[in-house]
């Protein structure tokens, strides 16, 4: 069994051309503080970070978020199976970092899995290409977004990097109450910042007006892709459009660090025609989020569905029944 340490895993990732941020040891470290633990398995041309969550009686569930990495997945699965059985996993959920249009090309790599399972991470997102300079990005945006970004600058909104997670958490609480969604604990956002910022793979950007924090976001990066992970705003001075300028500055940060694309991370899982037809009238779920994100000049993309493999079928069936009542697995 080719199990390696977190430090060895980070070095191993350097050999692969594309690695999702959720496959980094830093992300495993974040989840390790909140009920999960990570194991790292690597062979010459592939590897995976597997997250395990403890269940009663010594059982676990296993999860590979946005992986594996590399190409030789056929050779990797026996190694993954071995560690999952060693950790007494009831089942393994895999969410490959692949777009829907790639599914037919790699279907043979998942012949031992149950397909079309529910995902934990959002399936549909908007990807913004960072080719060209910021003025070029502005030209690709919707006219209203260009206007709002320039308005925020004119209205003296200032965006700067910050380490003030406490203030960001206060903004998150306000946003959660206003928009009716759950937020993580302050410790969670602090853990994300602490695990990624030492290697300059994380930025907390705060938008302020005359010293008052109006909005903030946390972006992560890995390789050539940056990710908009968390965003928040208060209820003051919203007419100054701080959230628009925040995204623009996050894109600049990504470009400065060698990224070629910016993942806006999560919109309703509907085809683009329906998204465009209904975004002005829908406010449930992620529809308001789509209304905001659609204007930044990106492309709507959909990832492949999750796959699952049961190691203890009877307990897997029971877990499925329990999970359906509780709203599914969260990670």
C-alpha atoms as a PDB file:
ATOM      1  CA  UNK A   1       0.000   0.000   0.000  1.00  0.00           C
ATOM      2  CA  UNK A   2       1.601   3.247  -1.209  1.00  0.00           C
ATOM      3  CA  UNK A   3       0.690   5.487   1.728  1.00  0.00           C
ATOM      4  CA  UNK A   4       2.740   8.665   2.128  1.00  0.00           C
ATOM      5  CA  UNK A   5       2.814  11.628   4.511  1.00  0.00           C
ATOM      6  CA  UNK A   6       1.196  15.011   3.944  1.00  0.00           C
ATOM      7  CA  UNK A   7       4.590  16.589   3.222  1.00  0.00           C
ATOM      8  CA  UNK A   8       5.423  13.843   0.719  1.00  0.00           C
ATOM      9  CA  UNK A   9       2.012  14.301  -0.890  1.00  0.00           C
ATOM     10  CA  UNK A  10       2.616  18.021  -1.453  1.00  0.00           C
ATOM     11  CA  UNK A  11       5.909  17.192  -3.176  1.00  0.00           C
ATOM     12  CA  UNK A  12       4.200  14.479  -5.224  1.00  0.00           C
ATOM     13  CA  UNK A  13       1.626  16.967  -6.514  1.00  0.00           C
ATOM     14  CA  UNK A  14       4.393  18.972  -8.198  1.00  0.00           C
ATOM     15  CA  UNK A  15       4.704  16.285 -10.896  1.00  0.00           C
ATOM     16  CA  UNK A  16       1.107  16.656 -12.079  1.00  0.00           C
ATOM     17  CA  UNK A  17       0.047  19.379 -14.516  1.00  0.00           C
ATOM     18  CA  UNK A  18      -3.354  19.963 -12.953  1.00  0.00           C
ATOM     19  CA  UNK A  19      -4.318  19.574  -9.305  1.00  0.00           C
ATOM     20  CA  UNK A  20      -7.540  20.830  -7.755  1.00  0.00           C
ATOM     21  CA  UNK A  21      -7.173  22.793  -4.522  1.00  0.00           C
ATOM     22  CA  UNK A  22      -9.340  20.209  -2.707  1.00  0.00           C
ATOM     23  CA  UNK A  23      -6.657  17.595  -3.379  1.00  0.00           C
ATOM     24  CA  UNK A  24      -3.943  19.529  -1.540  1.00  0.00           C
ATOM     25  CA  UNK A  25      -2.619  18.545   1.869  1.00  0.00           C
ATOM     26  CA  UNK A  26      -3.549  22.034   3.060  1.00  0.00           C
ATOM     27  CA  UNK A  27      -7.212  21.228   2.427  1.00  0.00           C
ATOM     28  CA  UNK A  28      -6.764  17.920   4.206  1.00  0.00           C
ATOM     29  CA  UNK A  29      -5.373  19.887   7.135  1.00  0.00           C
ATOM     30  CA  UNK A  30      -8.430  22.138   7.184  1.00  0.00           C
ATOM     31  CA  UNK A  31     -10.823  19.208   7.204  1.00  0.00           C
ATOM     32  CA  UNK A  32      -8.706  17.506   9.859  1.00  0.00           C
ATOM     33  CA  UNK A  33      -9.854  20.103  12.371  1.00  0.00           C
ATOM     34  CA  UNK A  34     -13.533  19.459  11.674  1.00  0.00           C
ATOM     35  CA  UNK A  35     -14.270  15.784  11.899  1.00  0.00           C
ATOM     36  CA  UNK A  36     -12.248  14.331   9.029  1.00  0.00           C
ATOM     37  CA  UNK A  37      -8.773  12.908   8.618  1.00  0.00           C
ATOM     38  CA  UNK A  38      -6.717  12.483   5.450  1.00  0.00           C
ATOM     39  CA  UNK A  39      -4.716   9.643   3.968  1.00  0.00           C
ATOM     40  CA  UNK A  40      -2.507  10.035   0.912  1.00  0.00           C
ATOM     41  CA  UNK A  41      -1.894   7.259  -1.593  1.00  0.00           C
ATOM     42  CA  UNK A  42       0.470   7.608  -4.548  1.00  0.00           C
ATOM     43  CA  UNK A  43       1.786   5.438  -7.365  1.00  0.00           C
ATOM     44  CA  UNK A  44       4.122   6.578 -10.168  1.00  0.00           C
ATOM     45  CA  UNK A  45       1.452   8.185 -12.425  1.00  0.00           C
ATOM     46  CA  UNK A  46      -1.488   8.860 -10.127  1.00  0.00           C
ATOM     47  CA  UNK A  47      -2.505   9.558  -6.565  1.00  0.00           C
ATOM     48  CA  UNK A  48      -5.329  10.644  -4.294  1.00  0.00           C
ATOM     49  CA  UNK A  49      -6.025  12.450  -1.070  1.00  0.00           C
ATOM     50  CA  UNK A  50      -8.757  10.437   0.647  1.00  0.00           C
ATOM     51  CA  UNK A  51     -10.745  12.080   3.425  1.00  0.00           C
ATOM     52  CA  UNK A  52     -12.268   9.821   6.076  1.00  0.00           C
ATOM     53  CA  UNK A  53     -15.054  10.711   8.459  1.00  0.00           C
ATOM     54  CA  UNK A  54     -15.516   8.625  11.578  1.00  0.00           C
ATOM     55  CA  UNK A  55     -18.813   6.891  12.247  1.00  0.00           C
ATOM     56  CA  UNK A  56     -19.944   4.937  15.337  1.00  0.00           C
ATOM     57  CA  UNK A  57     -18.465   1.481  16.038  1.00  0.00           C
ATOM     58  CA  UNK A  58     -15.197   2.291  14.287  1.00  0.00           C
ATOM     59  CA  UNK A  59     -16.605   2.597  10.766  1.00  0.00           C
ATOM     60  CA  UNK A  60     -15.883   5.487   8.384  1.00  0.00           C
ATOM     61  CA  UNK A  61     -16.995   7.012   5.121  1.00  0.00           C
ATOM     62  CA  UNK A  62     -14.341   7.797   2.498  1.00  0.00           C
ATOM     63  CA  UNK A  63     -14.339  10.713   0.096  1.00  0.00           C
ATOM     64  CA  UNK A  64     -12.020  11.802  -2.719  1.00  0.00           C
ATOM     65  CA  UNK A  65     -12.889  15.451  -3.502  1.00  0.00           C
ATOM     66  CA  UNK A  66     -11.997  16.587  -7.016  1.00  0.00           C
ATOM     67  CA  UNK A  67      -9.605  13.736  -7.640  1.00  0.00           C
ATOM     68  CA  UNK A  68      -7.728  11.524  -8.117  1.00  0.00           C
ATOM     69  CA  UNK A  69      -4.797  13.316  -9.724  1.00  0.00           C
ATOM     70  CA  UNK A  70      -2.688  12.000 -12.570  1.00  0.00           C
ATOM     71  CA  UNK A  71      -3.683   9.520 -15.260  1.00  0.00           C
ATOM     72  CA  UNK A  72      -3.147   5.891 -14.266  1.00  0.00           C
ATOM     73  CA  UNK A  73      -6.348   5.541 -12.269  1.00  0.00           C
ATOM     74  CA  UNK A  74      -6.841   1.860 -13.173  1.00  0.00           C
ATOM     75  CA  UNK A  75      -3.658   1.045 -11.275  1.00  0.00           C
ATOM     76  CA  UNK A  76      -4.582   3.380  -8.426  1.00  0.00           C
ATOM     77  CA  UNK A  77      -7.961   1.880  -7.489  1.00  0.00           C
ATOM     78  CA  UNK A  78      -6.566  -1.311  -5.858  1.00  0.00           C
ATOM     79  CA  UNK A  79      -4.414   0.899  -3.615  1.00  0.00           C
ATOM     80  CA  UNK A  80      -7.435   3.050  -2.755  1.00  0.00           C
ATOM     81  CA  UNK A  81      -9.523  -0.045  -2.029  1.00  0.00           C
ATOM     82  CA  UNK A  82      -6.886  -1.382   0.323  1.00  0.00           C
ATOM     83  CA  UNK A  83      -6.705   1.739   2.453  1.00  0.00           C
ATOM     84  CA  UNK A  84     -10.507   2.150   2.475  1.00  0.00           C
ATOM     85  CA  UNK A  85     -10.891  -1.365   3.807  1.00  0.00           C
ATOM     86  CA  UNK A  86      -8.134  -0.783   6.343  1.00  0.00           C
ATOM     87  CA  UNK A  87      -9.965   2.314   7.595  1.00  0.00           C
ATOM     88  CA  UNK A  88     -13.257   0.338   7.714  1.00  0.00           C
ATOM     89  CA  UNK A  89     -14.996   2.526   5.158  1.00  0.00           C
ATOM     90  CA  UNK A  90     -18.637   1.698   4.497  1.00  0.00           C
ATOM     91  CA  UNK A  91     -18.325   3.289   1.067  1.00  0.00           C
ATOM     92  CA  UNK A  92     -16.144   5.578  -1.023  1.00  0.00           C
ATOM     93  CA  UNK A  93     -17.468   8.683  -2.798  1.00  0.00           C
ATOM     94  CA  UNK A  94     -15.365  10.063  -5.654  1.00  0.00           C
ATOM     95  CA  UNK A  95     -15.919  13.456  -7.285  1.00  0.00           C
ATOM     96  CA  UNK A  96     -13.489  13.644 -10.224  1.00  0.00           C
ATOM     97  CA  UNK A  97     -12.196  17.014 -11.367  1.00  0.00           C
ATOM     98  CA  UNK A  98     -13.608  16.497 -14.848  1.00  0.00           C
ATOM     99  CA  UNK A  99     -16.135  18.415 -16.927  1.00  0.00           C
ATOM    100  CA  UNK A 100     -19.283  16.756 -18.219  1.00  0.00           C
ATOM    101  CA  UNK A 101     -17.979  16.711 -21.795  1.00  0.00           C
ATOM    102  CA  UNK A 102     -15.049  14.558 -20.669  1.00  0.00           C
ATOM    103  CA  UNK A 103     -17.255  11.862 -19.126  1.00  0.00           C
ATOM    104  CA  UNK A 104     -17.369   9.554 -22.155  1.00  0.00           C
ATOM    105  CA  UNK A 105     -13.576   9.624 -22.470  1.00  0.00           C
ATOM    106  CA  UNK A 106     -12.976   8.293 -18.949  1.00  0.00           C
ATOM    107  CA  UNK A 107     -16.056   6.145 -18.293  1.00  0.00           C
ATOM    108  CA  UNK A 108     -13.965   2.963 -18.497  1.00  0.00           C
ATOM    109  CA  UNK A 109     -11.865   4.154 -15.545  1.00  0.00           C
ATOM    110  CA  UNK A 110     -14.904   3.884 -13.255  1.00  0.00           C
ATOM    111  CA  UNK A 111     -16.288   0.494 -14.233  1.00  0.00           C
ATOM    112  CA  UNK A 112     -16.296  -0.709 -10.607  1.00  0.00           C
ATOM    113  CA  UNK A 113     -18.279   2.296  -9.342  1.00  0.00           C
ATOM    114  CA  UNK A 114     -21.938   3.189  -9.148  1.00  0.00           C
ATOM    115  CA  UNK A 115     -22.366   6.256 -11.339  1.00  0.00           C
ATOM    116  CA  UNK A 116     -24.536   9.356 -11.308  1.00  0.00           C
ATOM    117  CA  UNK A 117     -24.472   9.799  -7.543  1.00  0.00           C
ATOM    118  CA  UNK A 118     -25.204  13.124  -5.791  1.00  0.00           C
ATOM    119  CA  UNK A 119     -22.231  15.448  -5.420  1.00  0.00           C
ATOM    120  CA  UNK A 120     -21.070  17.292  -2.323  1.00  0.00           C
ATOM    121  CA  UNK A 121     -19.382  20.104  -4.237  1.00  0.00           C
ATOM    122  CA  UNK A 122     -21.567  22.128  -6.635  1.00  0.00           C
ATOM    123  CA  UNK A 123     -21.667  20.534 -10.075  1.00  0.00           C
ATOM    124  CA  UNK A 124     -22.133  23.716 -12.076  1.00  0.00           C
ATOM    125  CA  UNK A 125     -19.886  26.755 -11.936  1.00  0.00           C
ATOM    126  CA  UNK A 126     -18.737  29.724 -14.005  1.00  0.00           C
ATOM    127  CA  UNK A 127     -15.138  29.815 -15.190  1.00  0.00           C
ATOM    128  CA  UNK A 128     -13.585  33.174 -16.027  1.00  0.00           C
ATOM    129  CA  UNK A 129     -10.582  33.157 -18.339  1.00  0.00           C
ATOM    130  CA  UNK A 130      -7.824  35.535 -17.246  1.00  0.00           C
ATOM    131  CA  UNK A 131      -6.221  35.958 -20.656  1.00  0.00           C
ATOM    132  CA  UNK A 132      -5.271  39.528 -21.460  1.00  0.00           C
ATOM    133  CA  UNK A 133      -5.145  42.485 -19.094  1.00  0.00           C
ATOM    134  CA  UNK A 134      -7.843  43.723 -16.669  1.00  0.00           C
ATOM    135  CA  UNK A 135      -9.250  46.092 -19.284  1.00  0.00           C
ATOM    136  CA  UNK A 136      -9.772  43.088 -21.549  1.00  0.00           C
ATOM    137  CA  UNK A 137     -11.640  41.297 -18.747  1.00  0.00           C
ATOM    138  CA  UNK A 138     -13.875  44.312 -18.306  1.00  0.00           C
ATOM    139  CA  UNK A 139     -14.773  44.230 -21.986  1.00  0.00           C
ATOM    140  CA  UNK A 140     -15.845  40.587 -21.646  1.00  0.00           C
ATOM    141  CA  UNK A 141     -18.145  41.395 -18.712  1.00  0.00           C
ATOM    142  CA  UNK A 142     -21.779  42.428 -18.861  1.00  0.00           C
ATOM    143  CA  UNK A 143     -22.189  46.186 -19.161  1.00  0.00           C
ATOM    144  CA  UNK A 144     -23.766  46.465 -15.699  1.00  0.00           C
ATOM    145  CA  UNK A 145     -20.803  44.733 -14.073  1.00  0.00           C
ATOM    146  CA  UNK A 146     -18.319  47.021 -15.801  1.00  0.00           C
ATOM    147  CA  UNK A 147     -20.341  49.988 -14.605  1.00  0.00           C
ATOM    148  CA  UNK A 148     -20.566  48.698 -11.022  1.00  0.00           C
ATOM    149  CA  UNK A 149     -16.835  48.037 -10.789  1.00  0.00           C
ATOM    150  CA  UNK A 150     -16.021  51.520 -12.003  1.00  0.00           C
ATOM    151  CA  UNK A 151     -18.712  52.969  -9.744  1.00  0.00           C
ATOM    152  CA  UNK A 152     -17.168  51.308  -6.690  1.00  0.00           C
ATOM    153  CA  UNK A 153     -13.823  52.902  -7.516  1.00  0.00           C
ATOM    154  CA  UNK A 154     -15.480  56.272  -8.082  1.00  0.00           C
ATOM    155  CA  UNK A 155     -17.374  55.920  -4.787  1.00  0.00           C
ATOM    156  CA  UNK A 156     -14.061  55.519  -2.927  1.00  0.00           C
ATOM    157  CA  UNK A 157     -14.337  51.824  -2.105  1.00  0.00           C
ATOM    158  CA  UNK A 158     -10.877  50.506  -1.243  1.00  0.00           C
ATOM    159  CA  UNK A 159      -9.964  46.826  -1.576  1.00  0.00           C
ATOM    160  CA  UNK A 160      -6.920  45.534   0.284  1.00  0.00           C
ATOM    161  CA  UNK A 161      -5.575  42.208   1.563  1.00  0.00           C
ATOM    162  CA  UNK A 162      -6.340  41.543   5.211  1.00  0.00           C
ATOM    163  CA  UNK A 163      -5.805  38.947   7.926  1.00  0.00           C
ATOM    164  CA  UNK A 164      -8.853  40.012   9.925  1.00  0.00           C
ATOM    165  CA  UNK A 165     -10.874  36.800   9.972  1.00  0.00           C
ATOM    166  CA  UNK A 166     -12.965  38.056  12.908  1.00  0.00           C
ATOM    167  CA  UNK A 167     -14.366  40.935  10.850  1.00  0.00           C
ATOM    168  CA  UNK A 168     -14.874  38.652   7.862  1.00  0.00           C
ATOM    169  CA  UNK A 169     -16.840  36.274  10.080  1.00  0.00           C
ATOM    170  CA  UNK A 170     -19.078  39.120  11.237  1.00  0.00           C
ATOM    171  CA  UNK A 171     -19.783  39.895   7.580  1.00  0.00           C
ATOM    172  CA  UNK A 172     -20.524  36.217   6.955  1.00  0.00           C
ATOM    173  CA  UNK A 173     -23.049  36.162   9.790  1.00  0.00           C
ATOM    174  CA  UNK A 174     -24.807  39.212   8.376  1.00  0.00           C
ATOM    175  CA  UNK A 175     -24.880  37.674   4.905  1.00  0.00           C
ATOM    176  CA  UNK A 176     -26.175  34.356   6.204  1.00  0.00           C
ATOM    177  CA  UNK A 177     -29.003  36.031   8.072  1.00  0.00           C
ATOM    178  CA  UNK A 178     -29.902  38.251   5.119  1.00  0.00           C
ATOM    179  CA  UNK A 179     -29.774  35.557   2.448  1.00  0.00           C
ATOM    180  CA  UNK A 180     -30.917  32.607   4.612  1.00  0.00           C
ATOM    181  CA  UNK A 181     -27.962  30.233   4.332  1.00  0.00           C
ATOM    182  CA  UNK A 182     -25.739  28.568   6.890  1.00  0.00           C
ATOM    183  CA  UNK A 183     -22.199  29.722   7.576  1.00  0.00           C
ATOM    184  CA  UNK A 184     -19.170  27.982   9.017  1.00  0.00           C
ATOM    185  CA  UNK A 185     -17.708  28.873  12.391  1.00  0.00           C
ATOM    186  CA  UNK A 186     -15.090  31.593  12.720  1.00  0.00           C
ATOM    187  CA  UNK A 187     -12.594  28.837  13.518  1.00  0.00           C
ATOM    188  CA  UNK A 188     -13.311  27.223  10.158  1.00  0.00           C
ATOM    189  CA  UNK A 189     -12.490  30.337   8.127  1.00  0.00           C
ATOM    190  CA  UNK A 190      -9.442  30.892  10.318  1.00  0.00           C
ATOM    191  CA  UNK A 191      -8.287  27.349   9.609  1.00  0.00           C
ATOM    192  CA  UNK A 192      -8.613  27.840   5.845  1.00  0.00           C
ATOM    193  CA  UNK A 193      -6.592  31.041   6.078  1.00  0.00           C
ATOM    194  CA  UNK A 194      -3.965  29.502   8.366  1.00  0.00           C
ATOM    195  CA  UNK A 195      -3.414  26.448   6.160  1.00  0.00           C
ATOM    196  CA  UNK A 196      -3.142  28.255   2.812  1.00  0.00           C
ATOM    197  CA  UNK A 197      -1.753  31.719   3.518  1.00  0.00           C
ATOM    198  CA  UNK A 198       1.769  30.614   4.613  1.00  0.00           C
ATOM    199  CA  UNK A 199       2.376  29.411   1.039  1.00  0.00           C
ATOM    200  CA  UNK A 200       0.632  32.462  -0.471  1.00  0.00           C
ATOM    201  CA  UNK A 201      -2.187  30.326  -1.877  1.00  0.00           C
ATOM    202  CA  UNK A 202      -4.920  32.245  -0.087  1.00  0.00           C
ATOM    203  CA  UNK A 203      -6.035  35.845   0.075  1.00  0.00           C
ATOM    204  CA  UNK A 204      -8.633  37.558   2.238  1.00  0.00           C
ATOM    205  CA  UNK A 205      -9.672  40.739   0.462  1.00  0.00           C
ATOM    206  CA  UNK A 206     -11.676  43.363   2.340  1.00  0.00           C
ATOM    207  CA  UNK A 207     -13.595  46.201   0.699  1.00  0.00           C
ATOM    208  CA  UNK A 208     -13.853  49.264   2.924  1.00  0.00           C
ATOM    209  CA  UNK A 209     -15.255  52.758   2.772  1.00  0.00           C
ATOM    210  CA  UNK A 210     -13.771  55.363   5.101  1.00  0.00           C
ATOM    211  CA  UNK A 211     -12.378  52.577   7.270  1.00  0.00           C
ATOM    212  CA  UNK A 212     -15.612  50.578   7.581  1.00  0.00           C
ATOM    213  CA  UNK A 213     -15.583  47.024   6.225  1.00  0.00           C
ATOM    214  CA  UNK A 214     -18.359  46.605   3.651  1.00  0.00           C
ATOM    215  CA  UNK A 215     -17.574  43.211   2.115  1.00  0.00           C
ATOM    216  CA  UNK A 216     -14.917  40.524   1.982  1.00  0.00           C
ATOM    217  CA  UNK A 217     -13.948  37.386   0.125  1.00  0.00           C
ATOM    218  CA  UNK A 218     -11.557  34.490   0.516  1.00  0.00           C
ATOM    219  CA  UNK A 219      -9.951  33.161  -2.657  1.00  0.00           C
ATOM    220  CA  UNK A 220      -7.625  30.172  -2.954  1.00  0.00           C
ATOM    221  CA  UNK A 221      -5.302  29.165  -5.739  1.00  0.00           C
ATOM    222  CA  UNK A 222      -3.551  26.014  -6.895  1.00  0.00           C
ATOM    223  CA  UNK A 223      -1.548  25.793 -10.087  1.00  0.00           C
ATOM    224  CA  UNK A 224      -3.178  27.745 -12.897  1.00  0.00           C
ATOM    225  CA  UNK A 225      -6.636  27.992 -11.292  1.00  0.00           C
ATOM    226  CA  UNK A 226      -7.938  30.301  -8.592  1.00  0.00           C
ATOM    227  CA  UNK A 227     -11.191  29.733  -6.699  1.00  0.00           C
ATOM    228  CA  UNK A 228     -13.709  32.087  -5.149  1.00  0.00           C
ATOM    229  CA  UNK A 229     -14.560  30.144  -2.008  1.00  0.00           C
ATOM    230  CA  UNK A 230     -16.309  32.468   0.452  1.00  0.00           C
ATOM    231  CA  UNK A 231     -17.844  35.905   0.157  1.00  0.00           C
ATOM    232  CA  UNK A 232     -19.764  38.179   2.514  1.00  0.00           C
ATOM    233  CA  UNK A 233     -21.097  41.703   2.863  1.00  0.00           C
ATOM    234  CA  UNK A 234     -22.905  43.839   5.392  1.00  0.00           C
ATOM    235  CA  UNK A 235     -26.054  45.880   4.860  1.00  0.00           C
ATOM    236  CA  UNK A 236     -24.335  49.258   4.770  1.00  0.00           C
ATOM    237  CA  UNK A 237     -23.343  51.295   1.718  1.00  0.00           C
ATOM    238  CA  UNK A 238     -24.435  48.576  -0.675  1.00  0.00           C
ATOM    239  CA  UNK A 239     -25.050  51.240  -3.319  1.00  0.00           C
ATOM    240  CA  UNK A 240     -21.261  51.565  -3.556  1.00  0.00           C
ATOM    241  CA  UNK A 241     -21.118  48.068  -5.130  1.00  0.00           C
ATOM    242  CA  UNK A 242     -18.151  46.726  -3.114  1.00  0.00           C
ATOM    243  CA  UNK A 243     -18.772  43.074  -4.040  1.00  0.00           C
ATOM    244  CA  UNK A 244     -18.168  43.770  -7.735  1.00  0.00           C
ATOM    245  CA  UNK A 245     -14.844  45.451  -7.113  1.00  0.00           C
ATOM    246  CA  UNK A 246     -13.843  42.637  -4.756  1.00  0.00           C
ATOM    247  CA  UNK A 247     -14.199  40.042  -7.527  1.00  0.00           C
ATOM    248  CA  UNK A 248     -12.256  42.210  -9.957  1.00  0.00           C
ATOM    249  CA  UNK A 249      -9.406  42.572  -7.462  1.00  0.00           C
ATOM    250  CA  UNK A 250      -9.470  38.830  -6.718  1.00  0.00           C
ATOM    251  CA  UNK A 251      -9.030  38.162 -10.433  1.00  0.00           C
ATOM    252  CA  UNK A 252      -6.055  40.520 -10.458  1.00  0.00           C
ATOM    253  CA  UNK A 253      -4.563  38.652  -7.479  1.00  0.00           C
ATOM    254  CA  UNK A 254      -5.011  35.355  -9.313  1.00  0.00           C
ATOM    255  CA  UNK A 255      -3.397  36.689 -12.480  1.00  0.00           C
ATOM    256  CA  UNK A 256      -0.444  38.106 -10.543  1.00  0.00           C
ATOM    257  CA  UNK A 257       0.196  34.622  -9.154  1.00  0.00           C
ATOM    258  CA  UNK A 258       0.226  32.916 -12.526  1.00  0.00           C
ATOM    259  CA  UNK A 259      -3.374  31.723 -12.723  1.00  0.00           C
ATOM    260  CA  UNK A 260      -5.079  31.544 -16.107  1.00  0.00           C
ATOM    261  CA  UNK A 261      -8.636  30.944 -14.875  1.00  0.00           C
ATOM    262  CA  UNK A 262     -10.873  31.963 -12.001  1.00  0.00           C
ATOM    263  CA  UNK A 263     -13.547  29.587 -10.725  1.00  0.00           C
ATOM    264  CA  UNK A 264     -16.590  31.436  -9.377  1.00  0.00           C
ATOM    265  CA  UNK A 265     -17.652  28.212  -7.611  1.00  0.00           C
ATOM    266  CA  UNK A 266     -21.262  27.242  -7.628  1.00  0.00           C
ATOM    267  CA  UNK A 267     -24.451  28.235  -9.467  1.00  0.00           C
ATOM    268  CA  UNK A 268     -27.792  26.400  -9.828  1.00  0.00           C
ATOM    269  CA  UNK A 269     -27.440  23.050 -11.555  1.00  0.00           C
ATOM    270  CA  UNK A 270     -29.635  23.947 -14.518  1.00  0.00           C
ATOM    271  CA  UNK A 271     -28.785  24.208 -18.198  1.00  0.00           C
ATOM    272  CA  UNK A 272     -27.695  27.623 -19.347  1.00  0.00           C
ATOM    273  CA  UNK A 273     -30.843  28.317 -21.342  1.00  0.00           C
ATOM    274  CA  UNK A 274     -32.969  27.896 -18.228  1.00  0.00           C
ATOM    275  CA  UNK A 275     -30.521  29.904 -16.124  1.00  0.00           C
ATOM    276  CA  UNK A 276     -30.786  32.804 -18.513  1.00  0.00           C
ATOM    277  CA  UNK A 277     -34.555  32.517 -18.829  1.00  0.00           C
ATOM    278  CA  UNK A 278     -35.282  32.496 -15.092  1.00  0.00           C
ATOM    279  CA  UNK A 279     -32.494  34.325 -13.244  1.00  0.00           C
ATOM    280  CA  UNK A 280     -34.411  37.602 -13.053  1.00  0.00           C
ATOM    281  CA  UNK A 281     -37.421  36.028 -11.333  1.00  0.00           C
ATOM    282  CA  UNK A 282     -35.884  33.304  -9.162  1.00  0.00           C
ATOM    283  CA  UNK A 283     -34.429  33.993  -5.712  1.00  0.00           C
ATOM    284  CA  UNK A 284     -34.401  30.501  -4.193  1.00  0.00           C
ATOM    285  CA  UNK A 285     -31.246  28.460  -3.692  1.00  0.00           C
ATOM    286  CA  UNK A 286     -28.292  29.703  -5.718  1.00  0.00           C
ATOM    287  CA  UNK A 287     -30.336  31.756  -8.170  1.00  0.00           C
ATOM    288  CA  UNK A 288     -29.386  35.068  -6.608  1.00  0.00           C
ATOM    289  CA  UNK A 289     -25.764  33.943  -6.721  1.00  0.00           C
ATOM    290  CA  UNK A 290     -26.072  33.196 -10.432  1.00  0.00           C
ATOM    291  CA  UNK A 291     -27.544  36.650 -11.052  1.00  0.00           C
ATOM    292  CA  UNK A 292     -24.369  38.135  -9.542  1.00  0.00           C
ATOM    293  CA  UNK A 293     -21.816  35.763 -11.050  1.00  0.00           C
ATOM    294  CA  UNK A 294     -23.138  35.620 -14.620  1.00  0.00           C
ATOM    295  CA  UNK A 295     -21.947  39.127 -15.421  1.00  0.00           C
ATOM    296  CA  UNK A 296     -18.212  38.586 -14.973  1.00  0.00           C
ATOM    297  CA  UNK A 297     -17.651  37.266 -18.471  1.00  0.00           C
ATOM    298  CA  UNK A 298     -17.221  33.581 -17.697  1.00  0.00           C
ATOM    299  CA  UNK A 299     -18.418  30.302 -19.167  1.00  0.00           C
ATOM    300  CA  UNK A 300     -20.934  28.052 -17.446  1.00  0.00           C
ATOM    301  CA  UNK A 301     -19.371  24.610 -16.916  1.00  0.00           C
ATOM    302  CA  UNK A 302     -20.702  21.398 -15.367  1.00  0.00           C
ATOM    303  CA  UNK A 303     -18.630  18.704 -13.708  1.00  0.00           C
ATOM    304  CA  UNK A 304     -19.295  14.984 -13.935  1.00  0.00           C
ATOM    305  CA  UNK A 305     -21.512  13.371 -11.328  1.00  0.00           C
ATOM    306  CA  UNK A 306     -20.073  11.683  -8.257  1.00  0.00           C
ATOM    307  CA  UNK A 307     -19.399   7.963  -8.148  1.00  0.00           C
ATOM    308  CA  UNK A 308     -19.621   5.587  -5.218  1.00  0.00           C
ATOM    309  CA  UNK A 309     -18.344   2.166  -4.295  1.00  0.00           C
ATOM    310  CA  UNK A 310     -19.801   0.200  -1.371  1.00  0.00           C
ATOM    311  CA  UNK A 311     -17.476  -1.889   0.791  1.00  0.00           C
ATOM    312  CA  UNK A 312     -20.119  -2.979   3.305  1.00  0.00           C
ATOM    313  CA  UNK A 313     -23.370  -3.043   1.292  1.00  0.00           C
ATOM    314  CA  UNK A 314     -25.787  -3.518   4.205  1.00  0.00           C
ATOM    315  CA  UNK A 315     -24.353  -0.575   6.149  1.00  0.00           C
ATOM    316  CA  UNK A 316     -24.152   1.479   2.966  1.00  0.00           C
ATOM    317  CA  UNK A 317     -27.888   0.953   2.449  1.00  0.00           C
ATOM    318  CA  UNK A 318     -28.607   2.024   6.026  1.00  0.00           C
ATOM    319  CA  UNK A 319     -26.376   5.071   5.678  1.00  0.00           C
ATOM    320  CA  UNK A 320     -28.161   6.050   2.465  1.00  0.00           C
ATOM    321  CA  UNK A 321     -31.513   5.974   4.262  1.00  0.00           C
ATOM    322  CA  UNK A 322     -30.150   8.023   7.172  1.00  0.00           C
ATOM    323  CA  UNK A 323     -28.360  10.491   4.904  1.00  0.00           C
ATOM    324  CA  UNK A 324     -31.499  11.083   2.829  1.00  0.00           C
ATOM    325  CA  UNK A 325     -33.352  12.179   5.960  1.00  0.00           C
ATOM    326  CA  UNK A 326     -30.489  14.412   7.133  1.00  0.00           C
ATOM    327  CA  UNK A 327     -29.888  16.117   3.804  1.00  0.00           C
ATOM    328  CA  UNK A 328     -26.830  14.224   2.570  1.00  0.00           C
ATOM    329  CA  UNK A 329     -23.104  14.165   3.251  1.00  0.00           C
ATOM    330  CA  UNK A 330     -21.333  17.485   3.850  1.00  0.00           C
ATOM    331  CA  UNK A 331     -17.622  18.165   3.521  1.00  0.00           C
END
